[in-house]
Amino acid sequence: HALELDYDVDSPNPAYNGMRMNLNHFDASKFKTLNFYVKGDPQKGFSERVKIELIGPDKRPSPHVFEGVTEEWQLVTIPLEEFMLIQDWSILEKFVVVFSDIISEPKVGTIYIDYIHFGQ
């Protein structure tokens, strides 16, 4: 089982969607990376780019755009230092996946995400 994210940002107006996962004030101060597995659905289409955000106690999203989604499962490892707006790693509020009309091509598709975790 994996998280299936169907998205549609095909609009004449600015558009975005995605999902937010509550991290319940997770203490990530002892970790160095955010890791997850990702793949796109070849039948439904998928964007090779996806924006990942972490939100800390100040409620500001700290974004990182990952490029390289394929139709095969792959492990993505993002150094936490890439999320430059996070000041306090001891209280993480949310993990967010964002699709937008600006970065998603095609503008309609499906990706799968699995085993989201923090690592050393």
C-alpha atoms as a PDB file:
ATOM      1  CA  HIS A   1       0.000   0.000   0.000  1.00  0.00           C
ATOM      2  CA  ALA A   2       1.161   3.518  -0.774  1.00  0.00           C
ATOM      3  CA  LEU A   3      -0.243   7.043  -0.752  1.00  0.00           C
ATOM      4  CA  GLU A   4      -1.856   7.716  -4.157  1.00  0.00           C
ATOM      5  CA  LEU A   5      -1.987  11.396  -5.074  1.00  0.00           C
ATOM      6  CA  ASP A   6      -4.194  12.276  -8.045  1.00  0.00           C
ATOM      7  CA  TYR A   7      -3.766  15.884  -9.093  1.00  0.00           C
ATOM      8  CA  ASP A   8      -5.357  18.255 -11.613  1.00  0.00           C
ATOM      9  CA  VAL A   9      -3.961  21.778 -11.934  1.00  0.00           C
ATOM     10  CA  ASP A  10      -5.111  22.316 -15.523  1.00  0.00           C
ATOM     11  CA  SER A  11      -6.866  25.667 -15.235  1.00  0.00           C
ATOM     12  CA  PRO A  12      -6.872  29.050 -16.995  1.00  0.00           C
ATOM     13  CA  ASN A  13      -6.325  30.545 -13.515  1.00  0.00           C
ATOM     14  CA  PRO A  14      -3.416  29.929 -11.146  1.00  0.00           C
ATOM     15  CA  ALA A  15      -3.980  26.490  -9.627  1.00  0.00           C
ATOM     16  CA  TYR A  16      -2.431  24.208  -7.027  1.00  0.00           C
ATOM     17  CA  ASN A  17      -3.402  21.241  -4.901  1.00  0.00           C
ATOM     18  CA  GLY A  18      -1.787  18.481  -2.912  1.00  0.00           C
ATOM     19  CA  MET A  19      -1.886  17.026   0.543  1.00  0.00           C
ATOM     20  CA  ARG A  20      -0.798  17.932   4.059  1.00  0.00           C
ATOM     21  CA  MET A  21       0.197  15.454   6.717  1.00  0.00           C
ATOM     22  CA  ASN A  22       0.220  16.544  10.339  1.00  0.00           C
ATOM     23  CA  LEU A  23       3.551  15.753  12.059  1.00  0.00           C
ATOM     24  CA  ASN A  24       2.219  16.473  15.584  1.00  0.00           C
ATOM     25  CA  HIS A  25       5.147  18.650  16.717  1.00  0.00           C
ATOM     26  CA  PHE A  26       7.703  16.030  15.595  1.00  0.00           C
ATOM     27  CA  ASP A  27      11.237  16.593  16.928  1.00  0.00           C
ATOM     28  CA  ALA A  28      13.516  16.282  13.884  1.00  0.00           C
ATOM     29  CA  SER A  29      16.504  17.961  15.563  1.00  0.00           C
ATOM     30  CA  LYS A  30      18.493  14.694  15.665  1.00  0.00           C
ATOM     31  CA  PHE A  31      17.957  13.951  11.965  1.00  0.00           C
ATOM     32  CA  LYS A  32      19.759  15.103   8.820  1.00  0.00           C
ATOM     33  CA  THR A  33      17.501  13.980   5.957  1.00  0.00           C
ATOM     34  CA  LEU A  34      13.895  13.654   4.857  1.00  0.00           C
ATOM     35  CA  ASN A  35      13.384  10.412   2.922  1.00  0.00           C
ATOM     36  CA  PHE A  36      10.523   8.859   0.977  1.00  0.00           C
ATOM     37  CA  TYR A  37       9.873   6.581  -1.964  1.00  0.00           C
ATOM     38  CA  VAL A  38       8.113   7.992  -5.026  1.00  0.00           C
ATOM     39  CA  LYS A  39       6.948   6.868  -8.444  1.00  0.00           C
ATOM     40  CA  GLY A  40       4.606   8.137 -11.136  1.00  0.00           C
ATOM     41  CA  ASP A  41       1.723   6.285 -12.754  1.00  0.00           C
ATOM     42  CA  PRO A  42       2.591   5.645 -16.436  1.00  0.00           C
ATOM     43  CA  GLN A  43      -1.065   5.047 -17.418  1.00  0.00           C
ATOM     44  CA  LYS A  44      -2.434   8.215 -15.801  1.00  0.00           C
ATOM     45  CA  GLY A  45       0.642  10.374 -16.490  1.00  0.00           C
ATOM     46  CA  PHE A  46       2.728  12.216 -13.913  1.00  0.00           C
ATOM     47  CA  SER A  47       4.915  15.236 -13.417  1.00  0.00           C
ATOM     48  CA  GLU A  48       8.636  14.664 -13.055  1.00  0.00           C
ATOM     49  CA  ARG A  49       8.687  17.578 -10.592  1.00  0.00           C
ATOM     50  CA  VAL A  50       6.937  17.839  -7.261  1.00  0.00           C
ATOM     51  CA  LYS A  51       7.227  20.422  -4.497  1.00  0.00           C
ATOM     52  CA  ILE A  52       7.780  19.130  -0.966  1.00  0.00           C
ATOM     53  CA  GLU A  53       7.311  21.469   1.986  1.00  0.00           C
ATOM     54  CA  LEU A  54       8.021  21.178   5.678  1.00  0.00           C
ATOM     55  CA  ILE A  55       6.257  23.526   8.057  1.00  0.00           C
ATOM     56  CA  GLY A  56       7.759  24.426  11.408  1.00  0.00           C
ATOM     57  CA  PRO A  57       6.339  26.148  14.488  1.00  0.00           C
ATOM     58  CA  ASP A  58       6.196  29.552  12.770  1.00  0.00           C
ATOM     59  CA  LYS A  59       3.698  28.068  10.256  1.00  0.00           C
ATOM     60  CA  ARG A  60       5.767  29.202   7.210  1.00  0.00           C
ATOM     61  CA  PRO A  61       6.172  26.564   4.485  1.00  0.00           C
ATOM     62  CA  SER A  62       9.780  25.783   3.594  1.00  0.00           C
ATOM     63  CA  PRO A  63       9.787  24.374   0.041  1.00  0.00           C
ATOM     64  CA  HIS A  64      12.043  22.038  -1.914  1.00  0.00           C
ATOM     65  CA  VAL A  65      11.315  21.063  -5.529  1.00  0.00           C
ATOM     66  CA  PHE A  66      12.290  17.491  -6.309  1.00  0.00           C
ATOM     67  CA  GLU A  67      12.935  16.695  -9.980  1.00  0.00           C
ATOM     68  CA  GLY A  68      13.248  13.188 -11.310  1.00  0.00           C
ATOM     69  CA  VAL A  69      10.016  11.289 -10.603  1.00  0.00           C
ATOM     70  CA  THR A  70       9.925   8.198 -12.853  1.00  0.00           C
ATOM     71  CA  GLU A  71       7.584   5.235 -13.267  1.00  0.00           C
ATOM     72  CA  GLU A  72       9.864   3.135 -11.049  1.00  0.00           C
ATOM     73  CA  TRP A  73      10.013   3.316  -7.252  1.00  0.00           C
ATOM     74  CA  GLN A  74      12.994   5.340  -6.101  1.00  0.00           C
ATOM     75  CA  LEU A  75      14.252   6.544  -2.769  1.00  0.00           C
ATOM     76  CA  VAL A  76      14.404  10.323  -2.477  1.00  0.00           C
ATOM     77  CA  THR A  77      16.756  11.717   0.166  1.00  0.00           C
ATOM     78  CA  ILE A  78      16.622  15.462   0.809  1.00  0.00           C
ATOM     79  CA  PRO A  79      19.086  17.023   3.264  1.00  0.00           C
ATOM     80  CA  LEU A  80      17.133  18.980   5.867  1.00  0.00           C
ATOM     81  CA  GLU A  81      19.398  21.967   5.225  1.00  0.00           C
ATOM     82  CA  GLU A  82      17.562  22.316   1.870  1.00  0.00           C
ATOM     83  CA  PHE A  83      14.503  23.484   3.849  1.00  0.00           C
ATOM     84  CA  MET A  84      16.110  26.834   4.596  1.00  0.00           C
ATOM     85  CA  LEU A  85      13.139  28.551   6.246  1.00  0.00           C
ATOM     86  CA  ILE A  86      12.948  26.071   9.125  1.00  0.00           C
ATOM     87  CA  GLN A  87      14.569  27.668  12.169  1.00  0.00           C
ATOM     88  CA  ASP A  88      13.484  25.229  14.880  1.00  0.00           C
ATOM     89  CA  TRP A  89      13.791  21.548  13.959  1.00  0.00           C
ATOM     90  CA  SER A  90      12.483  20.421  17.350  1.00  0.00           C
ATOM     91  CA  ILE A  91       8.854  21.192  16.434  1.00  0.00           C
ATOM     92  CA  LEU A  92       7.789  20.204  12.931  1.00  0.00           C
ATOM     93  CA  GLU A  93       4.114  20.753  12.199  1.00  0.00           C
ATOM     94  CA  LYS A  94       3.456  19.406   8.685  1.00  0.00           C
ATOM     95  CA  PHE A  95       4.786  17.513   5.661  1.00  0.00           C
ATOM     96  CA  VAL A  96       3.236  18.838   2.442  1.00  0.00           C
ATOM     97  CA  VAL A  97       3.198  17.701  -1.192  1.00  0.00           C
ATOM     98  CA  VAL A  98       2.230  20.454  -3.652  1.00  0.00           C
ATOM     99  CA  PHE A  99       1.291  20.272  -7.328  1.00  0.00           C
ATOM    100  CA  SER A 100       1.001  23.594  -9.138  1.00  0.00           C
ATOM    101  CA  ASP A 101       0.285  24.766 -12.646  1.00  0.00           C
ATOM    102  CA  ILE A 102       3.734  26.389 -12.668  1.00  0.00           C
ATOM    103  CA  ILE A 103       5.837  23.274 -11.953  1.00  0.00           C
ATOM    104  CA  SER A 104       3.627  20.285 -12.824  1.00  0.00           C
ATOM    105  CA  GLU A 105       3.823  18.952 -16.382  1.00  0.00           C
ATOM    106  CA  PRO A 106       1.562  17.304 -17.337  1.00  0.00           C
ATOM    107  CA  LYS A 107      -0.986  19.255 -15.349  1.00  0.00           C
ATOM    108  CA  VAL A 108      -3.091  16.141 -14.603  1.00  0.00           C
ATOM    109  CA  GLY A 109      -1.659  12.905 -13.263  1.00  0.00           C
ATOM    110  CA  THR A 110      -0.914  10.563 -10.378  1.00  0.00           C
ATOM    111  CA  ILE A 111       2.109   9.899  -8.204  1.00  0.00           C
ATOM    112  CA  TYR A 112       2.602   7.455  -5.353  1.00  0.00           C
ATOM    113  CA  ILE A 113       4.553   8.150  -2.166  1.00  0.00           C
ATOM    114  CA  ASP A 114       5.537   5.602   0.440  1.00  0.00           C
ATOM    115  CA  TYR A 115       7.609   5.222   3.604  1.00  0.00           C
ATOM    116  CA  ILE A 116       8.112   8.869   4.543  1.00  0.00           C
ATOM    117  CA  HIS A 117      10.777   9.038   7.239  1.00  0.00           C
ATOM    118  CA  PHE A 118      13.606  11.088   8.677  1.00  0.00           C
ATOM    119  CA  GLY A 119      17.136   9.743   8.662  1.00  0.00           C
ATOM    120  CA  GLN A 120      20.616  10.288  10.009  1.00  0.00           C
END
